[in-house]
Amino acid sequence: MSLLLTTAMVVGLVVVPAFATETTDTPDVVQGGNESTEGSGSEIPPPPTEEEKEPEEETQQPTSATPFQVGEQSYATLAEAVNAAQDGDTIVVTGNTTLTSSLYLTKSITLKGTGGNATISRSVESFAKASDSTRTDYNPAMIEVHNEAVLTLEDITLDDCKHAEGTHFIQEDTQNKGSSLTWEYNKQNYGPVTNGETVQDGILAIYNGDGSIVLGSGAVLANFGGMSAVRLSGGTLTMKAGSQITGGGDTSKNGKDSGTGAAGAVWMQGGELVMEEGSEIKDMSGRAVYVDSGKATINGTISNIAHNGKIWNAGGEVGIHT
């Protein structure tokens, strides 16, 4: 079964969520974002001496280029570029990068690709767990947006590589017991499950309702491997003309929880989704949008969504679950 939806639609709901509403504290600084890069053919710089190394570089994989530019300055890693950027700056991405840890964004930035080949991918070999005041040792999104920050993507692909960090497609524990025993709902329904065994919420995520994500022209979120491509616990996701969420929803690795899988390409627990004309959610397994609560305005196109009986709360719909 597939769905082609181009009719304008508004879904506005305030319902009892199938998942528990999740909140997190906002970090004070930009953290994480460990990554490796594929070069664009430039000469590989010599490795720094022990005296030249900064402490945070010890946790980052070696790089072969400096594909991130803020103004006239170039940086080897996305974390370095974000830390150097001022609120509202554009970071130009000229090469490919593999992230090995999550980036916590607390300032507004634009990530803009150039040359038609800029891709930021999740590492399928090692991606660091994260902790905050409500979740312990959980598998994070590639980028989490906090502090009323606005993340804008233009002409760039963020690729989850259809990789699930855990094996359980369920909501993470928000009782801060995730390192040993999951929250009561999951305990009753799935047994003792750690957050480390629970798959990531998304490629991108907003918690506490205090951020915005804008997918501009040429922005692609590809091959989500966890619960969704974008998790909204409040906040706003705007998909502009020329943006896409594509691929993903494969639950073939979901061996522990029979009958449960991803929520959808966009998983909403509040907040607002705006799909403008010319935006697309397409070519995936499962479901396009899962609305626990919030408002979804669909003026874009939803197409080629294959039915998958293992998705969360599986029913007949492949477009929007409310």
Protein backbone atom coordinates (compact mmCIF):
# COMPACT_ATOMS: atom_id res chain seq x y z
CA MET A 1 0.00 0.00 0.00
CA SER A 2 1.24 3.44 -0.77
CA LEU A 3 -0.11 6.96 -0.32
CA LEU A 4 -0.06 10.04 -2.48
CA LEU A 5 -1.32 13.05 -0.53
CA THR A 6 -1.19 16.53 -2.00
CA THR A 7 -4.39 18.02 -0.61
CA ALA A 8 -4.03 20.82 1.89
CA MET A 9 -4.70 19.49 5.38
CA VAL A 10 -4.60 20.80 8.90
CA VAL A 11 -4.55 18.44 11.86
CA GLY A 12 -4.84 20.11 15.25
CA LEU A 13 -4.96 17.85 18.26
CA VAL A 14 -4.56 17.91 22.00
CA VAL A 15 -4.96 14.27 22.98
CA VAL A 16 -3.71 11.87 25.62
CA PRO A 17 -0.38 10.74 24.18
CA ALA A 18 0.39 7.10 23.48
CA PHE A 19 3.88 7.94 24.68
CA ALA A 20 4.63 9.85 27.87
CA THR A 21 5.46 13.51 27.28
CA GLU A 22 9.18 14.01 27.58
CA THR A 23 11.10 17.05 28.79
CA THR A 24 14.78 17.70 29.19
CA ASP A 25 16.89 20.43 30.72
CA THR A 26 18.73 22.73 28.36
CA PRO A 27 22.52 22.48 28.40
CA ASP A 28 24.34 25.77 28.96
CA VAL A 29 26.85 25.28 26.17
CA VAL A 30 27.20 23.59 22.80
CA GLN A 31 28.65 20.16 23.34
CA GLY A 32 29.60 17.02 21.45
CA GLY A 33 29.46 16.65 17.69
CA ASN A 34 32.46 14.37 17.34
CA GLU A 35 32.98 13.51 13.71
CA SER A 36 35.28 12.37 10.94
CA THR A 37 35.35 13.97 7.49
CA GLU A 38 35.85 12.96 3.90
CA GLY A 39 38.14 15.40 2.19
CA SER A 40 37.53 17.37 -0.97
CA GLY A 41 41.00 16.69 -2.39
CA SER A 42 42.97 19.25 -0.44
CA GLU A 43 46.33 18.46 1.12
CA ILE A 44 46.14 16.66 4.43
CA PRO A 45 47.58 18.86 7.17
CA PRO A 46 50.21 17.36 9.49
CA PRO A 47 48.87 16.07 12.81
CA PRO A 48 49.21 18.50 15.74
CA THR A 49 51.89 17.95 18.31
CA GLU A 50 50.90 17.04 21.85
CA GLU A 51 51.50 20.67 22.88
CA GLU A 52 49.25 21.96 20.07
CA LYS A 53 46.32 19.71 20.84
CA GLU A 54 43.32 21.17 22.62
CA PRO A 55 41.69 18.91 25.23
CA GLU A 56 38.39 18.46 23.35
CA GLU A 57 40.18 17.25 20.20
CA GLU A 58 41.22 14.08 21.98
CA THR A 59 37.63 12.78 21.67
CA GLN A 60 37.36 13.49 17.94
CA GLN A 61 38.33 11.22 15.11
CA PRO A 62 41.21 12.40 12.87
CA THR A 63 40.09 14.62 10.00
CA SER A 64 41.40 14.85 6.46
CA ALA A 65 40.15 18.35 5.56
CA THR A 66 38.55 21.47 6.94
CA PRO A 67 35.07 21.30 5.38
CA PHE A 68 33.32 23.79 7.69
CA GLN A 69 33.58 27.52 7.12
CA VAL A 70 32.31 30.39 9.25
CA GLY A 71 33.08 33.58 7.40
CA GLU A 72 36.72 33.38 6.31
CA GLN A 73 37.71 30.83 8.94
CA SER A 74 37.75 27.07 8.27
CA TYR A 75 37.28 24.28 10.81
CA ALA A 76 37.92 20.56 10.77
CA THR A 77 34.82 19.55 12.73
CA LEU A 78 31.23 20.67 12.97
CA ALA A 79 31.53 21.06 16.74
CA GLU A 80 34.43 23.49 16.32
CA ALA A 81 32.51 25.49 13.73
CA VAL A 82 29.36 25.69 15.88
CA ASN A 83 31.34 26.75 18.94
CA ALA A 84 33.03 29.49 16.91
CA ALA A 85 29.83 30.68 15.23
CA GLN A 86 27.81 33.60 16.54
CA ASP A 87 24.05 33.40 16.93
CA GLY A 88 22.54 33.68 13.44
CA ASP A 89 25.72 32.70 11.55
CA THR A 90 25.85 30.42 8.51
CA ILE A 91 28.22 27.46 8.50
CA VAL A 92 29.14 26.48 4.95
CA VAL A 93 29.74 22.73 4.58
CA THR A 94 32.04 21.79 1.71
CA GLY A 95 32.62 18.08 2.38
CA ASN A 96 31.16 14.97 3.96
CA THR A 97 31.21 14.27 7.69
CA THR A 98 30.46 11.33 9.96
CA LEU A 99 29.28 12.29 13.44
CA THR A 100 30.18 10.05 16.35
CA SER A 101 28.30 12.01 19.01
CA SER A 102 25.30 14.30 19.26
CA LEU A 103 25.43 18.06 18.84
CA TYR A 104 23.43 20.12 21.39
CA LEU A 105 22.52 23.35 19.65
CA THR A 106 21.84 26.39 21.84
CA LYS A 107 22.29 29.11 19.20
CA SER A 108 20.62 29.77 15.86
CA ILE A 109 22.69 28.63 12.88
CA THR A 110 22.28 27.70 9.23
CA LEU A 111 24.07 24.66 7.84
CA LYS A 112 24.45 25.25 4.11
CA GLY A 113 26.00 22.75 1.75
CA THR A 114 27.95 23.65 -1.34
CA GLY A 115 29.04 21.68 -4.37
CA GLY A 116 26.03 19.38 -4.24
CA ASN A 117 27.68 16.68 -2.14
CA ALA A 118 27.56 17.81 1.48
CA THR A 119 26.34 15.00 3.72
CA ILE A 120 26.49 14.62 7.50
CA SER A 121 26.03 10.96 8.47
CA ARG A 122 25.52 9.09 11.72
CA SER A 123 28.38 6.74 12.50
CA VAL A 124 27.19 3.14 12.31
CA GLU A 125 30.26 1.93 14.20
CA SER A 126 30.23 4.10 17.32
CA PHE A 127 27.88 6.89 18.39
CA ALA A 128 28.24 8.18 21.94
CA LYS A 129 25.40 7.95 24.43
CA ALA A 130 24.22 11.07 26.26
CA SER A 131 22.71 11.95 29.66
CA ASP A 132 20.73 14.85 31.06
CA SER A 133 18.65 15.50 34.17
CA THR A 134 15.76 13.29 33.01
CA ARG A 135 17.47 10.65 30.87
CA THR A 136 20.54 8.58 31.61
CA ASP A 137 22.78 6.93 29.00
CA TYR A 138 20.30 7.34 26.16
CA ASN A 139 20.90 7.14 22.41
CA PRO A 140 20.55 10.74 21.17
CA ALA A 141 19.55 12.36 17.90
CA MET A 142 22.34 13.62 15.69
CA ILE A 143 21.37 17.21 16.57
CA GLU A 144 19.16 18.36 19.46
CA VAL A 145 17.84 21.94 19.34
CA HIS A 146 17.43 23.86 22.63
CA ASN A 147 17.20 27.38 24.11
CA GLU A 148 14.84 28.77 21.44
CA ALA A 149 17.55 28.16 18.86
CA VAL A 150 16.66 27.87 15.18
CA LEU A 151 18.43 25.23 13.06
CA THR A 152 18.14 25.87 9.32
CA LEU A 153 19.37 23.38 6.72
CA GLU A 154 19.94 24.29 3.08
CA ASP A 155 21.39 22.15 0.27
CA ILE A 156 22.61 19.49 2.69
CA THR A 157 21.76 15.90 3.61
CA LEU A 158 21.64 14.45 7.12
CA ASP A 159 21.78 10.67 6.81
CA ASP A 160 20.86 8.26 9.63
CA CYS A 161 22.06 5.37 7.42
CA LYS A 162 19.01 3.30 8.51
CA HIS A 163 20.99 2.59 11.66
CA ALA A 164 19.30 1.94 15.00
CA GLU A 165 21.54 2.54 18.00
CA GLY A 166 19.43 0.23 20.19
CA THR A 167 17.07 -2.69 19.63
CA HIS A 168 13.84 -1.52 21.34
CA PHE A 169 11.56 0.82 19.39
CA ILE A 170 9.95 2.38 22.46
CA GLN A 171 10.14 5.72 24.25
CA GLU A 172 13.14 6.40 26.43
CA ASP A 173 12.90 6.49 30.20
CA THR A 174 12.43 10.04 31.49
CA GLN A 175 12.49 9.09 35.17
CA ASN A 176 16.30 9.20 35.19
CA LYS A 177 16.53 5.46 35.82
CA GLY A 178 17.53 4.61 32.31
CA SER A 179 20.93 3.23 33.22
CA SER A 180 19.36 0.30 35.03
CA LEU A 181 15.61 0.08 34.65
CA THR A 182 13.20 1.80 32.32
CA TRP A 183 10.09 3.73 33.37
CA GLU A 184 6.99 1.96 34.70
CA TYR A 185 5.01 1.87 31.43
CA ASN A 186 7.85 0.20 29.56
CA LYS A 187 8.57 -2.06 32.55
CA GLN A 188 5.00 -3.35 32.55
CA ASN A 189 4.84 -3.80 28.79
CA TYR A 190 8.36 -4.76 27.81
CA GLY A 191 10.23 -5.75 30.96
CA PRO A 192 13.45 -4.14 32.21
CA VAL A 193 14.90 -2.15 29.30
CA THR A 194 17.76 0.31 29.58
CA ASN A 195 17.89 3.53 27.61
CA GLY A 196 21.00 2.18 25.94
CA GLU A 197 18.82 -0.58 24.47
CA THR A 198 16.22 1.91 23.24
CA VAL A 199 16.69 3.35 19.75
CA GLN A 200 17.35 7.04 19.10
CA ASP A 201 14.39 9.43 18.87
CA GLY A 202 15.39 10.86 15.51
CA ILE A 203 17.95 12.49 13.26
CA LEU A 204 16.85 15.85 14.69
CA ALA A 205 14.95 16.54 17.92
CA ILE A 206 13.40 19.40 19.87
CA TYR A 207 12.55 19.02 23.56
CA ASN A 208 10.77 21.37 25.99
CA GLY A 209 9.06 23.18 23.12
CA ASP A 210 11.75 25.82 22.83
CA GLY A 211 13.34 25.47 19.41
CA SER A 212 12.68 25.49 15.68
CA ILE A 213 13.91 23.46 12.72
CA VAL A 214 13.65 24.79 9.16
CA LEU A 215 14.32 22.45 6.24
CA GLY A 216 15.09 24.80 3.38
CA SER A 217 15.50 24.12 -0.33
CA GLY A 218 17.81 21.17 -0.95
CA ALA A 219 17.66 19.95 2.65
CA VAL A 220 17.24 16.17 2.95
CA LEU A 221 16.76 14.00 6.03
CA ALA A 222 17.55 10.50 4.79
CA ASN A 223 17.19 6.92 5.97
CA PHE A 224 16.04 7.37 9.58
CA GLY A 225 16.89 4.31 11.64
CA GLY A 226 15.31 5.12 15.01
CA MET A 227 11.84 6.21 16.07
CA SER A 228 11.64 9.03 13.52
CA ALA A 229 13.55 11.47 11.35
CA VAL A 230 12.33 14.44 13.45
CA ARG A 231 11.06 14.24 17.04
CA LEU A 232 9.02 17.21 18.25
CA SER A 233 8.24 17.57 21.93
CA GLY A 234 7.00 21.09 21.29
CA GLY A 235 8.74 23.51 18.97
CA THR A 236 8.23 23.89 15.23
CA LEU A 237 9.33 21.98 12.15
CA THR A 238 8.90 23.87 8.87
CA MET A 239 9.52 22.09 5.58
CA LYS A 240 10.08 24.57 2.74
CA ALA A 241 9.70 23.89 -0.99
CA GLY A 242 12.49 21.64 -2.20
CA SER A 243 13.03 19.88 1.15
CA GLN A 244 12.59 16.15 1.68
CA ILE A 245 12.36 13.48 4.34
CA THR A 246 13.04 10.21 2.57
CA GLY A 247 13.93 6.60 3.28
CA GLY A 248 13.91 4.77 6.59
CA GLY A 249 11.30 3.13 8.78
CA ASP A 250 12.92 -0.28 8.42
CA THR A 251 12.21 -2.34 11.53
CA SER A 252 14.06 -5.47 10.44
CA LYS A 253 16.46 -5.05 13.37
CA ASN A 254 13.59 -4.92 15.84
CA GLY A 255 14.07 -8.41 17.22
CA LYS A 256 13.15 -7.86 20.88
CA ASP A 257 9.77 -6.12 20.66
CA SER A 258 7.44 -7.99 18.36
CA GLY A 259 4.91 -5.71 16.75
CA THR A 260 6.51 -2.37 17.61
CA GLY A 261 8.66 -0.17 15.47
CA ALA A 262 9.23 3.40 14.38
CA ALA A 263 6.58 6.04 15.07
CA GLY A 264 6.88 7.85 11.73
CA ALA A 265 9.07 10.19 9.72
CA VAL A 266 7.85 13.00 11.99
CA TRP A 267 6.90 12.09 15.58
CA MET A 268 4.96 14.81 17.37
CA GLN A 269 4.27 15.15 21.10
CA GLY A 270 3.15 18.72 20.82
CA GLY A 271 4.53 21.51 18.70
CA GLU A 272 3.74 22.23 15.08
CA LEU A 273 4.61 20.73 11.71
CA VAL A 274 4.23 22.93 8.62
CA MET A 275 4.75 21.22 5.25
CA GLU A 276 4.75 23.95 2.64
CA GLU A 277 3.88 23.35 -1.02
CA GLY A 278 6.80 21.69 -2.78
CA SER A 279 8.07 19.81 0.30
CA GLU A 280 8.00 16.00 0.38
CA ILE A 281 7.89 13.01 2.72
CA LYS A 282 8.40 9.97 0.55
CA ASP A 283 9.90 6.56 -0.25
CA MET A 284 9.89 4.86 3.15
CA SER A 285 8.39 2.08 5.17
CA GLY A 286 5.77 2.65 7.86
CA ARG A 287 4.19 6.07 8.33
CA ALA A 288 4.79 9.70 7.42
CA VAL A 289 3.54 11.55 10.52
CA TYR A 290 2.63 10.31 14.02
CA VAL A 291 0.67 12.96 15.92
CA ASP A 292 0.37 12.28 19.64
CA SER A 293 -0.57 15.93 20.09
CA GLY A 294 0.06 19.22 18.36
CA LYS A 295 -0.80 20.72 14.98
CA ALA A 296 0.15 19.47 11.53
CA THR A 297 -0.47 21.54 8.38
CA ILE A 298 0.13 19.52 5.23
CA ASN A 299 0.43 21.44 1.96
CA GLY A 300 3.31 19.33 0.65
CA THR A 301 3.34 15.83 -0.82
CA ILE A 302 3.35 12.50 1.00
CA SER A 303 4.04 9.62 -1.39
CA ASN A 304 5.25 6.02 -1.73
CA ILE A 305 4.88 5.05 1.94
CA ALA A 306 4.80 1.26 2.20
CA HIS A 307 2.59 -0.23 4.91
CA ASN A 308 4.56 -1.88 7.70
CA GLY A 309 2.74 -3.92 10.33
CA LYS A 310 5.59 -3.49 12.82
CA ILE A 311 5.31 0.28 13.23
CA TRP A 312 4.16 1.77 16.53
CA ASN A 313 0.37 1.38 16.97
CA ALA A 314 0.16 -0.14 13.52
CA GLY A 315 -3.11 0.42 11.70
CA GLY A 316 -4.10 0.82 8.11
CA GLU A 317 -2.83 4.38 7.75
CA VAL A 318 0.48 5.19 6.10
CA GLY A 319 0.11 8.96 5.94
CA ILE A 320 -0.92 10.50 9.26
CA HIS A 321 -1.72 8.79 12.56
CA THR A 322 -3.72 10.82 15.08
